[in-house]
Protein backbone atom coordinates (compact mmCIF):
# COMPACT_ATOMS: atom_id res chain seq x y z
CA MET A 1 0.33 -0.53 0.25
CA LYS A 2 2.80 2.13 0.94
CA LEU A 3 4.61 1.47 -3.05
CA LEU A 4 1.52 2.35 -4.36
CA LYS A 5 0.71 5.55 -2.33
CA GLU A 6 4.95 6.56 -3.44
CA LEU A 7 3.67 5.43 -7.04
CA LEU A 8 0.86 7.62 -7.20
CA LYS A 9 3.12 10.76 -6.08
CA LEU A 10 5.29 10.67 -8.97
CA PHE A 11 2.72 9.91 -11.24
CA GLU A 12 1.79 13.01 -9.66
CA GLN A 13 4.32 15.04 -10.29
CA GLY A 14 5.26 13.42 -13.89
CA LEU A 15 2.05 14.72 -14.77
CA PHE A 16 2.61 17.65 -13.12
CA GLY A 17 5.61 18.37 -15.53
CA PHE A 18 3.36 17.00 -18.74
CA ALA A 19 0.89 20.45 -18.38
CA LEU A 20 3.76 22.47 -17.62
CA PHE A 21 5.60 22.15 -20.59
CA LEU A 22 2.56 21.67 -22.87
CA THR A 23 1.31 24.38 -21.21
CA LEU A 24 4.93 26.41 -22.40
CA ILE A 25 4.41 24.57 -25.91
CA ILE A 26 1.00 26.26 -26.26
CA LEU A 27 1.78 29.99 -25.13
CA LEU A 28 4.26 30.00 -26.96
CA LYS A 29 2.97 28.78 -30.54
CA LEU A 30 0.10 31.24 -29.35
CA PHE A 31 2.53 34.12 -29.43
CA SER A 32 4.39 32.95 -32.50
CA CYS A 33 0.44 33.46 -34.53
CA TYR A 34 -0.77 36.56 -32.78
CA VAL A 35 1.81 38.67 -31.81
CA LEU A 36 4.65 37.82 -34.39
CA LYS A 37 2.33 36.48 -37.55
CA TYR A 38 4.98 33.84 -37.64
CA GLU A 39 2.15 31.04 -38.39
CA LEU A 40 -0.97 31.65 -39.92
CA LEU A 41 -2.83 28.82 -38.30
CA PHE A 42 -2.50 27.85 -34.92
CA THR A 43 -2.54 23.86 -34.57
CA VAL A 44 -1.42 21.63 -31.88
CA ASP A 45 -0.31 18.88 -33.61
CA MET A 46 0.89 15.45 -32.15
CA THR A 47 4.64 16.31 -32.23
CA ASP A 48 3.68 18.74 -29.38
CA ILE A 49 2.37 16.03 -27.28
CA HIS A 50 5.41 13.91 -27.37
CA LEU A 51 7.53 16.60 -26.78
CA SER A 52 5.20 17.36 -23.42
CA SER A 53 5.82 13.55 -22.35
CA VAL A 54 9.50 14.60 -22.18
CA GLY A 55 8.40 16.37 -19.31
CA PHE A 56 6.65 13.72 -17.51
CA VAL A 57 9.64 11.70 -17.97
CA LEU A 58 12.10 14.82 -16.50
CA THR A 59 9.82 15.28 -13.39
CA PHE A 60 8.97 11.79 -12.59
CA LEU A 61 12.59 10.64 -12.78
CA ILE A 62 13.76 13.53 -10.46
CA ALA A 63 11.36 12.79 -8.10
CA LEU A 64 11.80 9.47 -8.35
CA LEU A 65 15.88 10.22 -7.84
CA LYS A 66 15.38 12.53 -4.69
CA ARG A 67 13.06 9.84 -3.16
CA LEU A 68 15.85 7.19 -3.40
CA GLY A 69 18.57 9.11 -2.15
CA ALA A 70 16.79 10.56 0.62
CA THR A 71 16.06 9.33 4.39
CA PRO A 72 13.06 7.81 5.91
CA GLU A 73 12.73 11.38 8.24
CA GLU A 74 13.34 13.16 4.74
CA ILE A 75 10.49 11.40 3.48
CA GLN A 76 7.89 11.69 6.38
CA GLU A 77 8.96 15.31 6.70
CA GLU A 78 8.09 15.46 2.69
CA ASP A 79 4.77 14.32 3.83
CA ILE A 80 3.60 16.64 6.53
């Protein structure tokens, strides 16, 4: 049960990274489309989703490595 709880926390942090990267990509595309008039049509492609998955993997791995290197006392302090 505790392992499942830890994995859910890591997954949640990964989703945060995914959302952060996707938001950044969308904002930059909107900026280039409407402000700079660089593109005529605003689209979100599958490549944008794939690029956002890098954010998921990075934040998931960073959180996992922090958990692996932490002592049990440090982990309990984070949970509070």
